[in-house]
Amino acid sequence: MLISYIALWILVLVQIFIVLGLVRIVAKLQQAGVATNNAQGMDSGQEAPSFTATDLTGRTIRSADFDGRLRALLFISTSCRSCTTTIQELHALGYKAQGNLLLVCRASHDECSRFAATLELQVPVIVDEDERLSHLFDISSVPMAVLINAHNRIQSYGYPFREELELLTEPNSEKVAEVDQDGTKTNL
């Protein structure tokens, strides 16, 4: 009788460890953006929302300033390790500030300034302390990239995978897919 109780408790403990392992795997996938990619409300082909914001230097940035060219908003947080890795990927790809990337920092002005200085960012950084832009673009986790084509349509929305980062470094590349007015993708 005692042996069956011991065996039962061992079985319960094994099942607990299996469940904890699965929870840990799911949490890592969500943190990496794999489980949440494109889960939000922005779809490919959808018109990009218009916005006006201020960068770290106090300059006003309008979405209309980027009409007619591929651009991206990269939503980040100063406490996000994946965000730092993503920005390091931009540097590793040889990204030079070509005016087609805006970082949207979800923290205070001081935190964003320190973050930008530490990583030696050469791109405009918009402070989104009140998360107004994050709500406008339906951003629930970071890092999150919103690629907007020359026709002001969402081309890509989700975790910034290397392919999207490469598109930013080569805006005239044959790899750039434009989303037509009806939402279908065509390669340039």
N, C-alpha and C. Protein backbone atom coordinates (compact mmCIF):
# COMPACT_ATOMS: atom_id res chain seq x y z
N MET A 1 0.82 -1.19 0.00
CA MET A 1 0.00 0.00 0.00
C MET A 1 0.87 1.26 0.00
N LEU A 2 1.90 1.27 0.83
CA LEU A 2 2.79 2.41 0.92
C LEU A 2 3.51 2.64 -0.41
N ILE A 3 3.89 1.56 -1.07
CA ILE A 3 4.59 1.67 -2.36
C ILE A 3 3.70 2.32 -3.40
N SER A 4 2.41 2.01 -3.41
CA SER A 4 1.52 2.62 -4.40
C SER A 4 1.34 4.12 -4.13
N TYR A 5 1.33 4.54 -2.86
CA TYR A 5 1.26 5.98 -2.55
C TYR A 5 2.52 6.70 -3.01
N ILE A 6 3.66 6.08 -2.78
CA ILE A 6 4.94 6.67 -3.20
C ILE A 6 4.99 6.76 -4.72
N ALA A 7 4.57 5.71 -5.40
CA ALA A 7 4.55 5.72 -6.86
C ALA A 7 3.60 6.79 -7.38
N LEU A 8 2.46 6.96 -6.74
CA LEU A 8 1.50 7.98 -7.14
C LEU A 8 2.09 9.38 -6.98
N TRP A 9 2.76 9.64 -5.87
CA TRP A 9 3.37 10.95 -5.65
C TRP A 9 4.52 11.20 -6.63
N ILE A 10 5.27 10.19 -6.95
CA ILE A 10 6.33 10.34 -7.96
C ILE A 10 5.72 10.70 -9.31
N LEU A 11 4.63 10.05 -9.66
CA LEU A 11 3.94 10.34 -10.90
C LEU A 11 3.41 11.78 -10.92
N VAL A 12 2.86 12.23 -9.80
CA VAL A 12 2.36 13.61 -9.69
C VAL A 12 3.52 14.60 -9.86
N LEU A 13 4.63 14.34 -9.22
CA LEU A 13 5.80 15.23 -9.33
C LEU A 13 6.33 15.28 -10.76
N VAL A 14 6.38 14.16 -11.43
CA VAL A 14 6.84 14.12 -12.82
C VAL A 14 5.92 14.97 -13.70
N GLN A 15 4.63 14.84 -13.49
CA GLN A 15 3.68 15.62 -14.28
C GLN A 15 3.82 17.12 -14.00
N ILE A 16 4.07 17.48 -12.76
CA ILE A 16 4.28 18.90 -12.42
C ILE A 16 5.50 19.44 -13.15
N PHE A 17 6.60 18.67 -13.17
CA PHE A 17 7.80 19.12 -13.86
C PHE A 17 7.56 19.25 -15.37
N ILE A 18 6.79 18.36 -15.93
CA ILE A 18 6.47 18.44 -17.36
C ILE A 18 5.67 19.70 -17.65
N VAL A 19 4.67 19.98 -16.84
CA VAL A 19 3.84 21.18 -17.04
C VAL A 19 4.69 22.44 -16.87
N LEU A 20 5.54 22.49 -15.86
CA LEU A 20 6.41 23.65 -15.66
C LEU A 20 7.35 23.84 -16.85
N GLY A 21 7.86 22.76 -17.38
CA GLY A 21 8.71 22.85 -18.57
C GLY A 21 7.98 23.42 -19.77
N LEU A 22 6.74 22.97 -19.97
CA LEU A 22 5.93 23.48 -21.08
C LEU A 22 5.60 24.97 -20.90
N VAL A 23 5.29 25.36 -19.68
CA VAL A 23 5.01 26.78 -19.40
C VAL A 23 6.25 27.62 -19.69
N ARG A 24 7.40 27.13 -19.31
CA ARG A 24 8.65 27.85 -19.56
C ARG A 24 8.91 28.00 -21.06
N ILE A 25 8.69 26.95 -21.83
CA ILE A 25 8.88 27.00 -23.28
C ILE A 25 7.94 28.01 -23.92
N VAL A 26 6.67 27.99 -23.54
CA VAL A 26 5.69 28.92 -24.09
C VAL A 26 6.08 30.36 -23.73
N ALA A 27 6.52 30.59 -22.50
CA ALA A 27 6.92 31.93 -22.08
C ALA A 27 8.11 32.43 -22.91
N LYS A 28 9.07 31.55 -23.18
CA LYS A 28 10.22 31.94 -24.00
C LYS A 28 9.79 32.26 -25.43
N LEU A 29 8.87 31.49 -25.98
CA LEU A 29 8.38 31.76 -27.33
C LEU A 29 7.64 33.09 -27.38
N GLN A 30 6.85 33.39 -26.38
CA GLN A 30 6.15 34.66 -26.34
C GLN A 30 7.12 35.81 -26.19
N GLN A 31 8.15 35.64 -25.36
CA GLN A 31 9.15 36.68 -25.17
C GLN A 31 9.91 36.94 -26.47
N ALA A 32 10.15 35.90 -27.23
CA ALA A 32 10.86 36.04 -28.51
C ALA A 32 9.93 36.54 -29.61
N GLY A 33 8.64 36.63 -29.34
CA GLY A 33 7.71 37.13 -30.33
C GLY A 33 7.17 36.06 -31.25
N VAL A 34 7.60 34.84 -31.11
CA VAL A 34 7.18 33.77 -32.01
C VAL A 34 5.69 33.50 -31.85
N ALA A 35 5.22 33.44 -30.63
CA ALA A 35 3.82 33.11 -30.40
C ALA A 35 2.89 34.29 -30.61
N THR A 36 3.42 35.52 -30.66
CA THR A 36 2.57 36.68 -30.78
C THR A 36 2.72 37.39 -32.12
N ASN A 37 3.56 36.91 -32.99
CA ASN A 37 3.78 37.59 -34.27
C ASN A 37 2.48 37.69 -35.06
N ASN A 38 2.16 38.90 -35.47
CA ASN A 38 0.95 39.20 -36.24
C ASN A 38 -0.32 38.87 -35.49
N ALA A 39 -0.27 38.79 -34.18
CA ALA A 39 -1.47 38.49 -33.41
C ALA A 39 -2.31 39.74 -33.18
N GLN A 40 -1.73 40.91 -33.36
CA GLN A 40 -2.46 42.13 -33.12
C GLN A 40 -3.32 42.50 -34.32
N GLY A 41 -3.93 43.68 -34.24
CA GLY A 41 -4.94 44.06 -35.21
C GLY A 41 -4.46 44.63 -36.52
N MET A 42 -3.19 44.83 -36.76
CA MET A 42 -2.72 45.42 -38.01
C MET A 42 -2.46 44.30 -39.02
N ASP A 43 -3.08 44.41 -40.18
CA ASP A 43 -2.93 43.40 -41.21
C ASP A 43 -2.15 43.94 -42.40
N SER A 44 -1.49 43.05 -43.12
CA SER A 44 -0.80 43.40 -44.36
C SER A 44 -1.82 44.01 -45.33
N GLY A 45 -1.45 45.14 -45.90
CA GLY A 45 -2.33 45.80 -46.86
C GLY A 45 -3.20 46.87 -46.24
N GLN A 46 -3.30 46.87 -44.91
CA GLN A 46 -4.10 47.87 -44.21
C GLN A 46 -3.42 49.23 -44.28
N GLU A 47 -4.21 50.29 -44.38
CA GLU A 47 -3.65 51.65 -44.39
C GLU A 47 -3.00 51.94 -43.05
N ALA A 48 -1.80 52.52 -43.09
CA ALA A 48 -1.08 52.85 -41.86
C ALA A 48 -1.70 54.10 -41.24
N PRO A 49 -1.84 54.12 -39.92
CA PRO A 49 -2.40 55.31 -39.25
C PRO A 49 -1.46 56.51 -39.38
N SER A 50 -2.04 57.69 -39.46
CA SER A 50 -1.25 58.93 -39.47
C SER A 50 -0.90 59.29 -38.04
N PHE A 51 0.25 59.93 -37.86
CA PHE A 51 0.65 60.34 -36.51
C PHE A 51 1.56 61.56 -36.57
N THR A 52 1.63 62.24 -35.46
CA THR A 52 2.58 63.32 -35.23
C THR A 52 3.20 63.04 -33.87
N ALA A 53 4.53 63.11 -33.79
CA ALA A 53 5.22 62.82 -32.53
C ALA A 53 6.47 63.68 -32.44
N THR A 54 7.10 63.64 -31.27
CA THR A 54 8.32 64.41 -31.04
C THR A 54 9.45 63.45 -30.72
N ASP A 55 10.63 63.69 -31.33
CA ASP A 55 11.77 62.81 -31.04
C ASP A 55 12.56 63.35 -29.85
N LEU A 56 13.65 62.67 -29.51
CA LEU A 56 14.46 63.05 -28.34
C LEU A 56 15.02 64.47 -28.43
N THR A 57 15.24 64.94 -29.65
CA THR A 57 15.82 66.28 -29.83
C THR A 57 14.76 67.38 -29.81
N GLY A 58 13.47 66.99 -29.73
CA GLY A 58 12.40 67.96 -29.73
C GLY A 58 11.82 68.24 -31.11
N ARG A 59 12.36 67.58 -32.12
CA ARG A 59 11.89 67.76 -33.50
C ARG A 59 10.55 67.06 -33.69
N THR A 60 9.62 67.72 -34.38
CA THR A 60 8.32 67.12 -34.68
C THR A 60 8.46 66.20 -35.88
N ILE A 61 7.94 65.00 -35.74
CA ILE A 61 7.98 64.01 -36.81
C ILE A 61 6.54 63.66 -37.17
N ARG A 62 6.24 63.74 -38.46
CA ARG A 62 4.90 63.41 -38.95
C ARG A 62 5.00 62.21 -39.89
N SER A 63 4.01 61.37 -39.85
CA SER A 63 4.00 60.22 -40.76
C SER A 63 4.01 60.69 -42.21
N ALA A 64 3.40 61.82 -42.49
CA ALA A 64 3.36 62.35 -43.86
C ALA A 64 4.76 62.70 -44.39
N ASP A 65 5.72 62.93 -43.50
CA ASP A 65 7.09 63.23 -43.92
C ASP A 65 7.73 62.05 -44.64
N PHE A 66 7.16 60.85 -44.49
CA PHE A 66 7.75 59.64 -45.05
C PHE A 66 6.95 59.08 -46.21
N ASP A 67 5.93 59.80 -46.65
CA ASP A 67 5.13 59.32 -47.78
C ASP A 67 5.99 59.08 -49.00
N GLY A 68 5.70 58.02 -49.71
CA GLY A 68 6.42 57.71 -50.95
C GLY A 68 7.66 56.87 -50.76
N ARG A 69 7.95 56.42 -49.54
CA ARG A 69 9.12 55.56 -49.35
C ARG A 69 8.88 54.53 -48.27
N LEU A 70 9.61 53.43 -48.38
CA LEU A 70 9.55 52.36 -47.38
C LEU A 70 10.10 52.89 -46.07
N ARG A 71 9.40 52.62 -44.99
CA ARG A 71 9.89 53.03 -43.68
C ARG A 71 9.37 52.06 -42.65
N ALA A 72 9.95 52.16 -41.46
CA ALA A 72 9.53 51.26 -40.38
C ALA A 72 9.52 51.99 -39.06
N LEU A 73 8.60 51.57 -38.23
CA LEU A 73 8.57 51.98 -36.83
C LEU A 73 8.98 50.75 -36.03
N LEU A 74 10.01 50.90 -35.23
CA LEU A 74 10.46 49.80 -34.38
C LEU A 74 10.14 50.18 -32.94
N PHE A 75 9.17 49.51 -32.36
CA PHE A 75 8.74 49.79 -30.99
C PHE A 75 9.64 49.01 -30.04
N ILE A 76 10.23 49.75 -29.08
CA ILE A 76 11.19 49.15 -28.14
C ILE A 76 10.90 49.63 -26.72
N SER A 77 11.55 48.99 -25.78
CA SER A 77 11.52 49.41 -24.39
C SER A 77 12.96 49.36 -23.87
N THR A 78 13.28 50.25 -22.97
CA THR A 78 14.65 50.31 -22.46
C THR A 78 15.01 49.09 -21.60
N SER A 79 14.02 48.39 -21.07
CA SER A 79 14.28 47.23 -20.21
C SER A 79 14.18 45.90 -20.96
N CYS A 80 14.04 45.97 -22.26
CA CYS A 80 13.81 44.77 -23.07
C CYS A 80 15.13 44.27 -23.69
N ARG A 81 15.55 43.07 -23.29
CA ARG A 81 16.80 42.52 -23.84
C ARG A 81 16.66 42.20 -25.33
N SER A 82 15.49 41.74 -25.76
CA SER A 82 15.26 41.45 -27.17
C SER A 82 15.36 42.73 -28.00
N CYS A 83 14.93 43.85 -27.42
CA CYS A 83 15.02 45.13 -28.13
C CYS A 83 16.47 45.51 -28.37
N THR A 84 17.29 45.34 -27.36
CA THR A 84 18.72 45.64 -27.49
C THR A 84 19.35 44.74 -28.55
N THR A 85 19.00 43.47 -28.55
CA THR A 85 19.52 42.53 -29.54
C THR A 85 19.09 42.95 -30.95
N THR A 86 17.84 43.36 -31.11
CA THR A 86 17.34 43.80 -32.41
C THR A 86 18.11 45.01 -32.91
N ILE A 87 18.36 45.95 -32.02
CA ILE A 87 19.12 47.15 -32.42
C ILE A 87 20.55 46.78 -32.77
N GLN A 88 21.13 45.84 -32.04
CA GLN A 88 22.48 45.38 -32.38
C GLN A 88 22.50 44.70 -33.74
N GLU A 89 21.40 44.01 -34.10
CA GLU A 89 21.28 43.42 -35.44
C GLU A 89 21.33 44.51 -36.51
N LEU A 90 20.69 45.63 -36.24
CA LEU A 90 20.71 46.74 -37.20
C LEU A 90 22.14 47.21 -37.43
N HIS A 91 22.90 47.33 -36.33
CA HIS A 91 24.30 47.74 -36.45
C HIS A 91 25.11 46.68 -37.18
N ALA A 92 24.86 45.40 -36.86
CA ALA A 92 25.60 44.30 -37.49
C ALA A 92 25.33 44.24 -38.99
N LEU A 93 24.15 44.66 -39.42
CA LEU A 93 23.82 44.65 -40.84
C LEU A 93 24.39 45.88 -41.56
N GLY A 94 25.10 46.70 -40.83
CA GLY A 94 25.70 47.87 -41.46
C GLY A 94 24.69 48.98 -41.68
N TYR A 95 23.65 49.02 -40.87
CA TYR A 95 22.62 50.04 -41.06
C TYR A 95 23.18 51.43 -40.79
N LYS A 96 22.99 52.29 -41.72
CA LYS A 96 23.31 53.70 -41.55
C LYS A 96 21.99 54.46 -41.53
N ALA A 97 21.91 55.51 -40.77
CA ALA A 97 20.66 56.26 -40.65
C ALA A 97 20.27 56.85 -42.00
N GLN A 98 19.41 56.14 -42.70
CA GLN A 98 19.00 56.56 -44.04
C GLN A 98 17.62 57.21 -44.02
N GLY A 99 17.08 57.46 -42.83
CA GLY A 99 15.80 58.11 -42.73
C GLY A 99 14.61 57.21 -42.94
N ASN A 100 14.82 55.91 -42.95
CA ASN A 100 13.69 55.01 -43.16
C ASN A 100 13.34 54.19 -41.92
N LEU A 101 13.89 54.56 -40.78
CA LEU A 101 13.59 53.86 -39.53
C LEU A 101 13.39 54.87 -38.42
N LEU A 102 12.32 54.65 -37.66
CA LEU A 102 12.06 55.43 -36.45
C LEU A 102 11.96 54.46 -35.30
N LEU A 103 12.69 54.72 -34.23
CA LEU A 103 12.56 53.91 -33.03
C LEU A 103 11.52 54.59 -32.14
N VAL A 104 10.58 53.82 -31.65
CA VAL A 104 9.56 54.33 -30.75
C VAL A 104 9.84 53.72 -29.38
N CYS A 105 10.34 54.54 -28.47
CA CYS A 105 10.79 54.09 -27.16
C CYS A 105 9.67 54.24 -26.14
N ARG A 106 9.27 53.12 -25.55
CA ARG A 106 8.18 53.11 -24.57
C ARG A 106 8.75 53.25 -23.17
N ALA A 107 9.23 54.45 -22.84
CA ALA A 107 9.78 54.75 -21.52
C ALA A 107 9.81 56.27 -21.37
N SER A 108 10.36 56.73 -20.25
CA SER A 108 10.46 58.17 -20.02
C SER A 108 11.52 58.78 -20.95
N HIS A 109 11.47 60.10 -21.09
CA HIS A 109 12.43 60.81 -21.94
C HIS A 109 13.86 60.54 -21.49
N ASP A 110 14.10 60.60 -20.16
CA ASP A 110 15.45 60.36 -19.63
C ASP A 110 15.92 58.94 -19.90
N GLU A 111 15.05 57.96 -19.68
CA GLU A 111 15.42 56.56 -19.94
C GLU A 111 15.74 56.34 -21.42
N CYS A 112 14.91 56.91 -22.29
CA CYS A 112 15.14 56.77 -23.74
C CYS A 112 16.44 57.45 -24.15
N SER A 113 16.73 58.61 -23.57
CA SER A 113 17.98 59.32 -23.87
C SER A 113 19.20 58.49 -23.48
N ARG A 114 19.16 57.92 -22.26
CA ARG A 114 20.28 57.08 -21.81
C ARG A 114 20.43 55.84 -22.70
N PHE A 115 19.31 55.24 -23.05
CA PHE A 115 19.31 54.05 -23.91
C PHE A 115 19.92 54.39 -25.27
N ALA A 116 19.49 55.50 -25.85
CA ALA A 116 20.01 55.92 -27.17
C ALA A 116 21.50 56.22 -27.10
N ALA A 117 21.94 56.86 -26.03
CA ALA A 117 23.36 57.18 -25.88
C ALA A 117 24.19 55.92 -25.68
N THR A 118 23.71 55.00 -24.86
CA THR A 118 24.43 53.76 -24.59
C THR A 118 24.62 52.94 -25.86
N LEU A 119 23.57 52.86 -26.69
CA LEU A 119 23.65 52.06 -27.92
C LEU A 119 24.13 52.87 -29.12
N GLU A 120 24.45 54.15 -28.88
CA GLU A 120 24.94 55.04 -29.95
C GLU A 120 24.00 55.04 -31.15
N LEU A 121 22.71 55.24 -30.87
CA LEU A 121 21.71 55.22 -31.93
C LEU A 121 21.86 56.42 -32.85
N GLN A 122 21.79 56.15 -34.14
CA GLN A 122 21.93 57.19 -35.16
C GLN A 122 20.62 57.41 -35.91
N VAL A 123 19.51 57.04 -35.31
CA VAL A 123 18.20 57.18 -35.93
C VAL A 123 17.31 57.97 -34.99
N PRO A 124 16.26 58.59 -35.52
CA PRO A 124 15.34 59.33 -34.65
C PRO A 124 14.68 58.40 -33.64
N VAL A 125 14.60 58.86 -32.40
CA VAL A 125 13.97 58.09 -31.33
C VAL A 125 12.78 58.90 -30.83
N ILE A 126 11.60 58.35 -30.99
CA ILE A 126 10.37 58.98 -30.51
C ILE A 126 10.09 58.45 -29.12
N VAL A 127 9.82 59.35 -28.19
CA VAL A 127 9.48 58.95 -26.82
C VAL A 127 7.97 58.73 -26.77
N ASP A 128 7.59 57.52 -26.39
CA ASP A 128 6.18 57.14 -26.32
C ASP A 128 5.82 56.78 -24.87
N GLU A 129 6.13 57.71 -23.97
CA GLU A 129 5.93 57.46 -22.54
C GLU A 129 4.47 57.18 -22.22
N ASP A 130 3.57 57.88 -22.87
CA ASP A 130 2.14 57.67 -22.62
C ASP A 130 1.56 56.54 -23.50
N GLU A 131 2.40 55.95 -24.34
CA GLU A 131 2.07 54.83 -25.22
C GLU A 131 0.95 55.16 -26.21
N ARG A 132 0.83 56.45 -26.56
CA ARG A 132 -0.18 56.87 -27.53
C ARG A 132 0.08 56.23 -28.89
N LEU A 133 1.34 56.26 -29.33
CA LEU A 133 1.68 55.64 -30.62
C LEU A 133 1.52 54.12 -30.56
N SER A 134 1.88 53.54 -29.44
CA SER A 134 1.72 52.09 -29.28
C SER A 134 0.26 51.69 -29.42
N HIS A 135 -0.63 52.47 -28.84
CA HIS A 135 -2.06 52.17 -28.96
C HIS A 135 -2.55 52.40 -30.39
N LEU A 136 -2.05 53.45 -31.03
CA LEU A 136 -2.45 53.75 -32.40
C LEU A 136 -2.10 52.60 -33.34
N PHE A 137 -0.93 51.99 -33.12
CA PHE A 137 -0.47 50.88 -33.96
C PHE A 137 -0.79 49.51 -33.33
N ASP A 138 -1.56 49.50 -32.26
CA ASP A 138 -2.00 48.27 -31.62
C ASP A 138 -0.83 47.39 -31.18
N ILE A 139 0.17 48.01 -30.54
CA ILE A 139 1.36 47.31 -30.07
C ILE A 139 1.12 46.84 -28.64
N SER A 140 1.29 45.54 -28.40
CA SER A 140 1.09 45.01 -27.05
C SER A 140 2.38 44.46 -26.45
N SER A 141 3.39 44.21 -27.28
CA SER A 141 4.66 43.71 -26.76
C SER A 141 5.80 44.29 -27.59
N VAL A 142 6.99 44.24 -27.06
CA VAL A 142 8.17 44.75 -27.75
C VAL A 142 9.25 43.69 -27.76
N PRO A 143 10.17 43.71 -28.71
CA PRO A 143 10.19 44.63 -29.84
C PRO A 143 9.13 44.25 -30.87
N MET A 144 8.64 45.24 -31.55
CA MET A 144 7.63 45.04 -32.58
C MET A 144 7.95 46.01 -33.72
N ALA A 145 7.95 45.49 -34.93
CA ALA A 145 8.24 46.32 -36.10
C ALA A 145 7.00 46.46 -36.97
N VAL A 146 6.80 47.66 -37.46
CA VAL A 146 5.73 47.92 -38.41
C VAL A 146 6.41 48.48 -39.66
N LEU A 147 6.43 47.68 -40.73
CA LEU A 147 7.00 48.10 -42.00
C LEU A 147 5.89 48.70 -42.84
N ILE A 148 6.10 49.92 -43.32
CA ILE A 148 5.08 50.63 -44.09
C ILE A 148 5.65 50.90 -45.48
N ASN A 149 4.90 50.52 -46.51
CA ASN A 149 5.42 50.68 -47.88
C ASN A 149 5.20 52.10 -48.40
N ALA A 150 5.63 52.35 -49.61
CA ALA A 150 5.56 53.67 -50.21
C ALA A 150 4.13 54.14 -50.45
N HIS A 151 3.17 53.22 -50.45
CA HIS A 151 1.77 53.56 -50.65
C HIS A 151 1.04 53.74 -49.32
N ASN A 152 1.79 53.84 -48.22
CA ASN A 152 1.27 54.02 -46.87
C ASN A 152 0.41 52.83 -46.41
N ARG A 153 0.80 51.64 -46.85
CA ARG A 153 0.12 50.40 -46.46
C ARG A 153 1.06 49.59 -45.57
N ILE A 154 0.48 48.86 -44.62
CA ILE A 154 1.27 47.98 -43.77
C ILE A 154 1.80 46.85 -44.64
N GLN A 155 3.11 46.71 -44.67
CA GLN A 155 3.74 45.63 -45.43
C GLN A 155 4.04 44.44 -44.53
N SER A 156 4.47 44.74 -43.31
CA SER A 156 4.83 43.70 -42.36
C SER A 156 4.55 44.23 -40.97
N TYR A 157 4.06 43.35 -40.10
CA TYR A 157 3.71 43.75 -38.74
C TYR A 157 4.01 42.58 -37.82
N GLY A 158 4.89 42.77 -36.88
CA GLY A 158 5.19 41.70 -35.94
C GLY A 158 6.60 41.80 -35.41
N TYR A 159 7.05 40.70 -34.84
CA TYR A 159 8.40 40.64 -34.31
C TYR A 159 9.39 40.94 -35.43
N PRO A 160 10.37 41.81 -35.19
CA PRO A 160 11.30 42.20 -36.27
C PRO A 160 12.32 41.11 -36.58
N PHE A 161 11.96 40.20 -37.46
CA PHE A 161 12.90 39.16 -37.88
C PHE A 161 13.98 39.75 -38.78
N ARG A 162 15.06 39.03 -38.92
CA ARG A 162 16.21 39.50 -39.69
C ARG A 162 15.84 39.93 -41.11
N GLU A 163 14.90 39.22 -41.74
CA GLU A 163 14.50 39.58 -43.11
C GLU A 163 13.95 41.00 -43.18
N GLU A 164 13.13 41.38 -42.18
CA GLU A 164 12.60 42.74 -42.15
C GLU A 164 13.72 43.74 -41.93
N LEU A 165 14.67 43.40 -41.05
CA LEU A 165 15.79 44.30 -40.80
C LEU A 165 16.62 44.50 -42.06
N GLU A 166 16.79 43.43 -42.84
CA GLU A 166 17.55 43.54 -44.09
C GLU A 166 16.82 44.44 -45.09
N LEU A 167 15.50 44.40 -45.11
CA LEU A 167 14.75 45.29 -46.01
C LEU A 167 15.02 46.75 -45.68
N LEU A 168 15.19 47.05 -44.40
CA LEU A 168 15.45 48.43 -44.01
C LEU A 168 16.82 48.91 -44.46
N THR A 169 17.78 48.00 -44.54
CA THR A 169 19.12 48.40 -44.95
C THR A 169 19.25 48.48 -46.46
N GLU A 170 18.31 47.87 -47.18
CA GLU A 170 18.34 47.86 -48.64
C GLU A 170 16.96 48.25 -49.18
N PRO A 171 16.55 49.52 -49.02
CA PRO A 171 15.19 49.88 -49.41
C PRO A 171 14.91 49.74 -50.89
N ASN A 172 15.91 49.66 -51.73
CA ASN A 172 15.67 49.51 -53.17
C ASN A 172 15.92 48.08 -53.64
N SER A 173 16.06 47.17 -52.69
CA SER A 173 16.34 45.78 -53.00
C SER A 173 15.17 45.12 -53.71
N GLU A 174 15.47 44.09 -54.50
CA GLU A 174 14.42 43.31 -55.16
C GLU A 174 13.60 42.53 -54.15
N LYS A 175 14.12 42.40 -52.91
CA LYS A 175 13.40 41.65 -51.89
C LYS A 175 12.22 42.43 -51.34
N VAL A 176 12.14 43.73 -51.60
CA VAL A 176 11.06 44.55 -51.06
C VAL A 176 9.77 44.22 -51.78
N ALA A 177 8.78 43.79 -51.04
CA ALA A 177 7.47 43.50 -51.61
C ALA A 177 6.55 44.66 -51.30
N GLU A 178 5.90 45.19 -52.30
CA GLU A 178 4.93 46.26 -52.10
C GLU A 178 3.55 45.66 -51.99
N VAL A 179 2.72 46.24 -51.16
CA VAL A 179 1.34 45.79 -51.03
C VAL A 179 0.50 46.76 -51.84
N ASP A 180 -0.18 46.25 -52.87
CA ASP A 180 -1.01 47.09 -53.73
C ASP A 180 -2.22 47.60 -52.96
N GLN A 181 -2.97 48.50 -53.58
CA GLN A 181 -4.16 49.08 -52.96
C GLN A 181 -5.14 48.00 -52.51
N ASP A 182 -5.25 46.88 -53.24
CA ASP A 182 -6.20 45.84 -52.87
C ASP A 182 -5.63 44.86 -51.83
N GLY A 183 -4.38 45.10 -51.37
CA GLY A 183 -3.81 44.28 -50.32
C GLY A 183 -2.96 43.12 -50.80
N THR A 184 -2.85 42.91 -52.15
CA THR A 184 -2.02 41.81 -52.64
C THR A 184 -0.58 42.26 -52.71
N LYS A 185 0.33 41.31 -52.48
CA LYS A 185 1.76 41.63 -52.48
C LYS A 185 2.34 41.41 -53.87
N THR A 186 3.20 42.32 -54.28
CA THR A 186 3.95 42.17 -55.52
C THR A 186 5.39 42.55 -55.26
N ASN A 187 6.33 41.87 -55.89
CA ASN A 187 7.73 42.21 -55.74
C ASN A 187 8.11 43.32 -56.69
N LEU A 188 8.93 44.22 -56.21
CA LEU A 188 9.42 45.30 -57.08
C LEU A 188 10.60 44.83 -57.89
